[in-house]
Amino acid sequence: MARVHHRLDVWKRSIEFAEKIYKLASSFPKLEEYGLGSQLKRAAISVPSNIAEGAARQSRREFVQFLYIAAGSASEIDTHIELASRVGYDSEEIKANLDAELEIISKMISSLIKSQKAN
């Protein structure tokens, strides 16, 4: 099976980001196991998952559609990180680092969408 997505820098970066999110969510209070922590983890794995699924599709149009879904999940992560910070589940330093990384990933997704639509 060809794993085309493994060659995409945005996939590599987003899977590493998802790992960081999983580690952060595991530090949340037990009461958040099925709440914010779960939502955050689902959104985080959605980004590389949709990039991978889109890359395996037969057409650029389908790939772009999955990239849009990944971009939407990135926006969802942004909201979850903001809330986690506001309720004291992470530090300002952690939030700043995650925000910076998420911004890079979001820009990479946007660039990939533009390049796919241009071809």
C-alpha atoms as a PDB file:
ATOM      1  CA  MET A   1       0.000   0.000   0.000  1.00  0.00           C
ATOM      2  CA  ALA A   2       1.341   3.410  -0.978  1.00  0.00           C
ATOM      3  CA  ARG A   3       1.533   5.814   1.922  1.00  0.00           C
ATOM      4  CA  VAL A   4       1.738   9.042  -0.040  1.00  0.00           C
ATOM      5  CA  HIS A   5       0.863  11.141   2.997  1.00  0.00           C
ATOM      6  CA  HIS A   6       4.134  10.146   4.706  1.00  0.00           C
ATOM      7  CA  ARG A   7       5.933  12.327   2.174  1.00  0.00           C
ATOM      8  CA  LEU A   8       3.880  15.423   3.022  1.00  0.00           C
ATOM      9  CA  ASP A   9       5.564  17.821   5.448  1.00  0.00           C
ATOM     10  CA  VAL A  10       2.177  19.055   6.660  1.00  0.00           C
ATOM     11  CA  TRP A  11       1.168  15.505   7.581  1.00  0.00           C
ATOM     12  CA  LYS A  12       4.451  14.934   9.436  1.00  0.00           C
ATOM     13  CA  ARG A  13       4.083  18.166  11.341  1.00  0.00           C
ATOM     14  CA  SER A  14       0.413  17.610  12.163  1.00  0.00           C
ATOM     15  CA  ILE A  15       0.982  14.080  13.473  1.00  0.00           C
ATOM     16  CA  GLU A  16       3.708  15.413  15.781  1.00  0.00           C
ATOM     17  CA  PHE A  17       1.332  18.168  16.871  1.00  0.00           C
ATOM     18  CA  ALA A  18      -1.390  15.586  17.606  1.00  0.00           C
ATOM     19  CA  GLU A  19       1.085  13.749  19.828  1.00  0.00           C
ATOM     20  CA  LYS A  20       1.692  16.958  21.808  1.00  0.00           C
ATOM     21  CA  ILE A  21      -2.055  17.490  22.138  1.00  0.00           C
ATOM     22  CA  TYR A  22      -2.561  13.938  23.412  1.00  0.00           C
ATOM     23  CA  LYS A  23       0.099  14.510  26.064  1.00  0.00           C
ATOM     24  CA  LEU A  24      -1.491  17.816  27.082  1.00  0.00           C
ATOM     25  CA  ALA A  25      -4.990  16.339  27.265  1.00  0.00           C
ATOM     26  CA  SER A  26      -3.729  13.482  29.439  1.00  0.00           C
ATOM     27  CA  SER A  27      -2.752  16.081  32.042  1.00  0.00           C
ATOM     28  CA  PHE A  28      -6.301  17.473  32.250  1.00  0.00           C
ATOM     29  CA  PRO A  29      -8.405  16.659  35.320  1.00  0.00           C
ATOM     30  CA  LYS A  30     -10.202  13.289  35.267  1.00  0.00           C
ATOM     31  CA  LEU A  31     -13.553  15.050  34.873  1.00  0.00           C
ATOM     32  CA  GLU A  32     -12.441  16.192  31.410  1.00  0.00           C
ATOM     33  CA  GLU A  33     -11.667  12.692  30.158  1.00  0.00           C
ATOM     34  CA  TYR A  34     -14.893  12.646  28.151  1.00  0.00           C
ATOM     35  CA  GLY A  35     -15.250  16.406  27.819  1.00  0.00           C
ATOM     36  CA  LEU A  36     -12.733  18.941  26.623  1.00  0.00           C
ATOM     37  CA  GLY A  37      -9.859  16.447  26.629  1.00  0.00           C
ATOM     38  CA  SER A  38     -11.719  14.053  24.373  1.00  0.00           C
ATOM     39  CA  GLN A  39     -12.842  16.819  22.006  1.00  0.00           C
ATOM     40  CA  LEU A  40      -9.316  18.195  21.787  1.00  0.00           C
ATOM     41  CA  LYS A  41      -7.811  14.787  21.010  1.00  0.00           C
ATOM     42  CA  ARG A  42     -10.436  14.025  18.357  1.00  0.00           C
ATOM     43  CA  ALA A  43      -9.829  17.335  16.600  1.00  0.00           C
ATOM     44  CA  ALA A  44      -6.050  16.880  16.809  1.00  0.00           C
ATOM     45  CA  ILE A  45      -6.066  13.462  15.155  1.00  0.00           C
ATOM     46  CA  SER A  46      -8.567  14.673  12.578  1.00  0.00           C
ATOM     47  CA  VAL A  47      -5.982  16.971  10.977  1.00  0.00           C
ATOM     48  CA  PRO A  48      -3.393  14.352   9.925  1.00  0.00           C
ATOM     49  CA  SER A  49      -6.124  11.765   9.344  1.00  0.00           C
ATOM     50  CA  ASN A  50      -7.919  13.926   6.809  1.00  0.00           C
ATOM     51  CA  ILE A  51      -4.655  14.880   5.113  1.00  0.00           C
ATOM     52  CA  ALA A  52      -3.814  11.170   4.801  1.00  0.00           C
ATOM     53  CA  GLU A  53      -7.261  10.204   3.545  1.00  0.00           C
ATOM     54  CA  GLY A  54      -7.294  13.024   1.021  1.00  0.00           C
ATOM     55  CA  ALA A  55      -3.832  12.152  -0.268  1.00  0.00           C
ATOM     56  CA  ALA A  56      -5.056   8.616  -0.968  1.00  0.00           C
ATOM     57  CA  ARG A  57      -7.974   9.815  -3.078  1.00  0.00           C
ATOM     58  CA  GLN A  58      -7.968   9.668  -6.843  1.00  0.00           C
ATOM     59  CA  SER A  59      -8.637  13.300  -7.660  1.00  0.00           C
ATOM     60  CA  ARG A  60      -7.240  16.668  -6.634  1.00  0.00           C
ATOM     61  CA  ARG A  61     -10.776  17.874  -5.979  1.00  0.00           C
ATOM     62  CA  GLU A  62     -11.293  15.162  -3.372  1.00  0.00           C
ATOM     63  CA  PHE A  63      -7.886  15.861  -1.834  1.00  0.00           C
ATOM     64  CA  VAL A  64      -8.747  19.556  -1.525  1.00  0.00           C
ATOM     65  CA  GLN A  65     -12.065  18.696   0.152  1.00  0.00           C
ATOM     66  CA  PHE A  66     -10.238  16.657   2.809  1.00  0.00           C
ATOM     67  CA  LEU A  67      -7.713  19.471   3.263  1.00  0.00           C
ATOM     68  CA  TYR A  68     -10.618  21.832   3.974  1.00  0.00           C
ATOM     69  CA  ILE A  69     -11.852  19.408   6.630  1.00  0.00           C
ATOM     70  CA  ALA A  70      -8.344  19.319   8.142  1.00  0.00           C
ATOM     71  CA  ALA A  71      -8.325  23.132   8.181  1.00  0.00           C
ATOM     72  CA  GLY A  72     -11.679  23.124   9.970  1.00  0.00           C
ATOM     73  CA  SER A  73     -10.329  20.731  12.583  1.00  0.00           C
ATOM     74  CA  ALA A  74      -7.342  23.037  13.095  1.00  0.00           C
ATOM     75  CA  SER A  75      -9.766  25.872  13.863  1.00  0.00           C
ATOM     76  CA  GLU A  76     -11.575  23.622  16.302  1.00  0.00           C
ATOM     77  CA  ILE A  77      -8.265  22.865  18.046  1.00  0.00           C
ATOM     78  CA  ASP A  78      -7.623  26.587  18.368  1.00  0.00           C
ATOM     79  CA  THR A  79     -10.906  26.992  20.245  1.00  0.00           C
ATOM     80  CA  HIS A  80     -10.206  24.030  22.531  1.00  0.00           C
ATOM     81  CA  ILE A  81      -6.708  25.294  23.360  1.00  0.00           C
ATOM     82  CA  GLU A  82      -8.147  28.720  24.161  1.00  0.00           C
ATOM     83  CA  LEU A  83     -10.729  27.245  26.518  1.00  0.00           C
ATOM     84  CA  ALA A  84      -8.174  24.943  28.173  1.00  0.00           C
ATOM     85  CA  SER A  85      -6.016  27.966  28.879  1.00  0.00           C
ATOM     86  CA  ARG A  86      -8.916  30.044  30.199  1.00  0.00           C
ATOM     87  CA  VAL A  87      -9.909  27.358  32.699  1.00  0.00           C
ATOM     88  CA  GLY A  88      -6.310  26.828  33.797  1.00  0.00           C
ATOM     89  CA  TYR A  89      -5.536  23.434  32.230  1.00  0.00           C
ATOM     90  CA  ASP A  90      -2.328  24.691  30.627  1.00  0.00           C
ATOM     91  CA  SER A  91       0.146  27.515  31.044  1.00  0.00           C
ATOM     92  CA  GLU A  92       0.500  30.619  28.889  1.00  0.00           C
ATOM     93  CA  GLU A  93       3.809  29.233  27.644  1.00  0.00           C
ATOM     94  CA  ILE A  94       2.234  25.944  26.538  1.00  0.00           C
ATOM     95  CA  LYS A  95      -0.637  27.815  24.900  1.00  0.00           C
ATOM     96  CA  ALA A  96       1.747  30.146  23.053  1.00  0.00           C
ATOM     97  CA  ASN A  97       3.805  27.214  21.766  1.00  0.00           C
ATOM     98  CA  LEU A  98       0.729  25.293  20.620  1.00  0.00           C
ATOM     99  CA  ASP A  99      -0.770  28.399  19.022  1.00  0.00           C
ATOM    100  CA  ALA A 100       2.441  29.039  17.069  1.00  0.00           C
ATOM    101  CA  GLU A 101       2.648  25.451  15.856  1.00  0.00           C
ATOM    102  CA  LEU A 102      -1.028  25.392  14.921  1.00  0.00           C
ATOM    103  CA  GLU A 103      -0.608  28.599  12.926  1.00  0.00           C
ATOM    104  CA  ILE A 104       2.237  27.045  10.937  1.00  0.00           C
ATOM    105  CA  ILE A 105       0.193  23.902  10.249  1.00  0.00           C
ATOM    106  CA  SER A 106      -2.827  25.968   9.209  1.00  0.00           C
ATOM    107  CA  LYS A 107      -0.685  27.977   6.783  1.00  0.00           C
ATOM    108  CA  MET A 108       0.786  24.778   5.372  1.00  0.00           C
ATOM    109  CA  ILE A 109      -2.698  23.384   4.780  1.00  0.00           C
ATOM    110  CA  SER A 110      -3.779  26.636   3.084  1.00  0.00           C
ATOM    111  CA  SER A 111      -0.706  26.579   0.861  1.00  0.00           C
ATOM    112  CA  LEU A 112      -1.337  22.983  -0.099  1.00  0.00           C
ATOM    113  CA  ILE A 113      -4.951  23.782  -0.947  1.00  0.00           C
ATOM    114  CA  LYS A 114      -3.834  26.675  -3.164  1.00  0.00           C
ATOM    115  CA  SER A 115      -1.246  24.531  -4.940  1.00  0.00           C
ATOM    116  CA  GLN A 116      -3.734  21.713  -5.531  1.00  0.00           C
ATOM    117  CA  LYS A 117      -6.362  24.097  -6.874  1.00  0.00           C
ATOM    118  CA  ALA A 118      -3.813  25.762  -9.188  1.00  0.00           C
ATOM    119  CA  ASN A 119      -2.878  22.486 -10.886  1.00  0.00           C
END
